[in-house]
């Protein structure tokens, strides 16, 4: 099981979360965003936790990260 994190909870993040939720061998475990409320909303929708980028990147239970931020960020 690959445990995913998503960096960025804006526009495209829901598409990434939905794709991860359909994987037999993967699950979304954490979301982060510079706007905590946005991360919290996506995390609630996909039944995972949210936190800061630092928390996500150092989390022992995140195996892979998808970056869903605007280009240039």
N, C-alpha and C. Protein backbone atom coordinates (compact mmCIF):
# COMPACT_ATOMS: atom_id res chain seq x y z
N UNK A 1 0.85 -1.18 0.00
CA UNK A 1 0.00 0.00 0.00
C UNK A 1 0.89 1.24 0.00
N UNK A 2 0.72 2.10 -0.99
CA UNK A 2 1.45 3.36 -1.06
C UNK A 2 0.60 4.43 -0.38
N UNK A 3 1.17 5.08 0.60
CA UNK A 3 0.47 6.13 1.35
C UNK A 3 0.88 7.49 0.79
N UNK A 4 -0.10 8.21 0.24
CA UNK A 4 0.16 9.46 -0.46
C UNK A 4 -0.12 10.68 0.40
N UNK A 5 0.63 11.73 0.10
CA UNK A 5 0.35 13.06 0.59
C UNK A 5 0.16 13.97 -0.60
N UNK A 6 -0.62 15.01 -0.42
CA UNK A 6 -0.81 16.00 -1.48
C UNK A 6 -0.36 17.35 -0.95
N UNK A 7 0.54 17.99 -1.69
CA UNK A 7 0.97 19.35 -1.36
C UNK A 7 0.17 20.30 -2.24
N UNK A 8 -0.63 21.13 -1.60
CA UNK A 8 -1.52 22.04 -2.32
C UNK A 8 -2.93 21.49 -2.33
N UNK A 9 -3.87 22.26 -1.84
CA UNK A 9 -5.25 21.79 -1.75
C UNK A 9 -6.20 22.63 -2.59
N UNK A 10 -5.67 23.31 -3.60
CA UNK A 10 -6.49 24.14 -4.47
C UNK A 10 -7.09 23.36 -5.62
N UNK A 11 -7.33 24.05 -6.71
CA UNK A 11 -8.05 23.55 -7.87
C UNK A 11 -7.83 22.11 -8.29
N UNK A 12 -6.62 21.72 -8.64
CA UNK A 12 -6.37 20.39 -9.18
C UNK A 12 -6.25 19.32 -8.10
N UNK A 13 -6.10 19.72 -6.85
CA UNK A 13 -5.87 18.76 -5.77
C UNK A 13 -7.02 17.75 -5.64
N UNK A 14 -8.24 18.17 -5.84
CA UNK A 14 -9.37 17.25 -5.73
C UNK A 14 -9.28 16.15 -6.80
N UNK A 15 -8.79 16.50 -7.98
CA UNK A 15 -8.60 15.50 -9.04
C UNK A 15 -7.54 14.49 -8.62
N UNK A 16 -6.45 14.96 -8.03
CA UNK A 16 -5.41 14.06 -7.54
C UNK A 16 -5.96 13.16 -6.43
N UNK A 17 -6.69 13.75 -5.49
CA UNK A 17 -7.26 12.99 -4.38
C UNK A 17 -8.22 11.92 -4.89
N UNK A 18 -9.05 12.27 -5.84
CA UNK A 18 -10.00 11.33 -6.40
C UNK A 18 -9.28 10.17 -7.09
N UNK A 19 -8.24 10.48 -7.85
CA UNK A 19 -7.47 9.43 -8.52
C UNK A 19 -6.82 8.50 -7.50
N UNK A 20 -6.25 9.06 -6.45
CA UNK A 20 -5.62 8.24 -5.41
C UNK A 20 -6.66 7.36 -4.73
N UNK A 21 -7.85 7.90 -4.50
CA UNK A 21 -8.90 7.14 -3.81
C UNK A 21 -9.36 5.93 -4.61
N UNK A 22 -9.12 5.94 -5.91
CA UNK A 22 -9.54 4.83 -6.76
C UNK A 22 -8.46 3.75 -6.91
N UNK A 23 -7.29 3.99 -6.34
CA UNK A 23 -6.20 3.01 -6.43
C UNK A 23 -6.43 1.85 -5.47
N UNK A 24 -6.24 0.63 -5.94
CA UNK A 24 -6.31 -0.52 -5.05
C UNK A 24 -5.09 -0.59 -4.13
N UNK A 25 -3.98 -0.05 -4.61
CA UNK A 25 -2.74 -0.17 -3.86
C UNK A 25 -2.25 1.17 -3.30
N UNK A 26 -3.16 2.10 -3.11
CA UNK A 26 -2.77 3.40 -2.57
C UNK A 26 -3.88 4.03 -1.77
N UNK A 27 -3.50 4.93 -0.87
CA UNK A 27 -4.51 5.68 -0.12
C UNK A 27 -3.93 7.04 0.24
N UNK A 28 -4.81 8.01 0.34
CA UNK A 28 -4.43 9.36 0.72
C UNK A 28 -4.40 9.44 2.24
N UNK A 29 -3.26 9.86 2.79
CA UNK A 29 -3.14 9.93 4.25
C UNK A 29 -2.98 11.35 4.78
N UNK A 30 -2.56 12.29 3.91
CA UNK A 30 -2.33 13.64 4.41
C UNK A 30 -2.36 14.67 3.29
N UNK A 31 -2.82 15.87 3.63
CA UNK A 31 -2.90 17.00 2.70
C UNK A 31 -2.31 18.22 3.41
N UNK A 32 -1.62 19.06 2.66
CA UNK A 32 -1.16 20.33 3.24
C UNK A 32 -1.38 21.45 2.25
N UNK A 33 -1.45 22.65 2.78
CA UNK A 33 -1.63 23.84 1.96
C UNK A 33 -1.19 25.04 2.78
N UNK A 34 -0.83 26.13 2.14
CA UNK A 34 -0.49 27.35 2.87
C UNK A 34 -1.71 27.98 3.52
N UNK A 35 -2.90 27.55 3.07
CA UNK A 35 -4.16 27.99 3.69
C UNK A 35 -4.72 26.78 4.43
N UNK A 36 -4.54 26.72 5.76
CA UNK A 36 -4.96 25.54 6.52
C UNK A 36 -6.43 25.15 6.32
N UNK A 37 -7.30 26.13 6.17
CA UNK A 37 -8.73 25.83 6.00
C UNK A 37 -8.98 25.05 4.71
N UNK A 38 -8.24 25.36 3.68
CA UNK A 38 -8.38 24.66 2.40
C UNK A 38 -7.92 23.22 2.54
N UNK A 39 -6.80 23.03 3.23
CA UNK A 39 -6.30 21.67 3.48
C UNK A 39 -7.28 20.89 4.34
N UNK A 40 -7.85 21.53 5.34
CA UNK A 40 -8.79 20.86 6.24
C UNK A 40 -10.03 20.39 5.48
N UNK A 41 -10.52 21.22 4.58
CA UNK A 41 -11.71 20.87 3.80
C UNK A 41 -11.45 19.65 2.92
N UNK A 42 -10.32 19.62 2.22
CA UNK A 42 -10.00 18.48 1.37
C UNK A 42 -9.75 17.23 2.20
N UNK A 43 -9.06 17.39 3.32
CA UNK A 43 -8.80 16.25 4.21
C UNK A 43 -10.10 15.66 4.75
N UNK A 44 -11.03 16.50 5.11
CA UNK A 44 -12.32 16.01 5.61
C UNK A 44 -13.06 15.24 4.51
N UNK A 45 -13.03 15.76 3.31
CA UNK A 45 -13.72 15.12 2.19
C UNK A 45 -13.15 13.74 1.90
N UNK A 46 -11.82 13.57 2.07
CA UNK A 46 -11.17 12.30 1.73
C UNK A 46 -10.71 11.52 2.96
N UNK A 47 -11.23 11.89 4.11
CA UNK A 47 -11.01 11.13 5.36
C UNK A 47 -9.53 10.88 5.66
N UNK A 48 -8.77 11.97 5.62
CA UNK A 48 -7.36 11.89 5.98
C UNK A 48 -7.05 13.09 6.86
N UNK A 49 -5.80 13.24 7.21
CA UNK A 49 -5.43 14.37 8.07
C UNK A 49 -4.77 15.47 7.23
N UNK A 50 -4.61 16.62 7.84
CA UNK A 50 -3.93 17.72 7.17
C UNK A 50 -2.91 18.32 8.12
N UNK A 51 -1.98 19.06 7.55
CA UNK A 51 -0.95 19.70 8.36
C UNK A 51 -0.15 20.67 7.53
N UNK A 52 1.00 21.02 8.04
CA UNK A 52 1.89 21.94 7.34
C UNK A 52 2.71 21.16 6.32
N UNK A 53 3.31 21.86 5.37
CA UNK A 53 4.20 21.16 4.43
C UNK A 53 5.34 20.43 5.16
N UNK A 54 5.86 21.02 6.20
CA UNK A 54 6.94 20.38 6.96
C UNK A 54 6.46 19.09 7.60
N UNK A 55 5.26 19.11 8.16
CA UNK A 55 4.69 17.91 8.78
C UNK A 55 4.49 16.81 7.74
N UNK A 56 3.98 17.19 6.58
CA UNK A 56 3.76 16.20 5.53
C UNK A 56 5.08 15.58 5.07
N UNK A 57 6.07 16.42 4.82
CA UNK A 57 7.33 15.93 4.27
C UNK A 57 8.15 15.12 5.27
N UNK A 58 7.89 15.27 6.54
CA UNK A 58 8.63 14.50 7.55
C UNK A 58 7.80 13.39 8.17
N UNK A 59 6.58 13.22 7.70
CA UNK A 59 5.69 12.20 8.25
C UNK A 59 6.19 10.80 7.90
N UNK A 60 6.25 9.94 8.88
CA UNK A 60 6.72 8.57 8.67
C UNK A 60 5.71 7.73 7.89
N UNK A 61 4.47 8.17 7.82
CA UNK A 61 3.47 7.37 7.10
C UNK A 61 3.10 7.91 5.73
N UNK A 62 3.92 8.80 5.18
CA UNK A 62 3.74 9.28 3.80
C UNK A 62 4.87 8.70 2.96
N UNK A 63 4.49 7.87 1.98
CA UNK A 63 5.48 7.22 1.11
C UNK A 63 5.75 8.00 -0.17
N UNK A 64 4.74 8.70 -0.67
CA UNK A 64 4.84 9.41 -1.94
C UNK A 64 4.05 10.71 -1.84
N UNK A 65 4.50 11.69 -2.61
CA UNK A 65 3.85 13.01 -2.59
C UNK A 65 3.48 13.41 -4.00
N UNK A 66 2.28 13.93 -4.15
CA UNK A 66 1.89 14.54 -5.40
C UNK A 66 1.82 16.05 -5.16
N UNK A 67 2.37 16.81 -6.09
CA UNK A 67 2.42 18.26 -5.93
C UNK A 67 1.32 18.87 -6.79
N UNK A 68 0.39 19.53 -6.12
CA UNK A 68 -0.78 20.09 -6.79
C UNK A 68 -0.84 21.60 -6.57
N UNK A 69 0.30 22.23 -6.77
CA UNK A 69 0.37 23.69 -6.64
C UNK A 69 0.45 24.31 -8.03
N UNK A 70 0.12 25.59 -8.15
CA UNK A 70 0.26 26.25 -9.44
C UNK A 70 1.72 26.23 -9.90
N UNK A 71 1.93 26.15 -11.19
CA UNK A 71 3.31 26.19 -11.70
C UNK A 71 3.96 27.50 -11.26
N UNK A 72 5.22 27.42 -10.96
CA UNK A 72 5.93 28.59 -10.48
C UNK A 72 5.94 28.73 -8.99
N UNK A 73 5.11 27.96 -8.32
CA UNK A 73 5.07 28.01 -6.85
C UNK A 73 6.00 26.95 -6.34
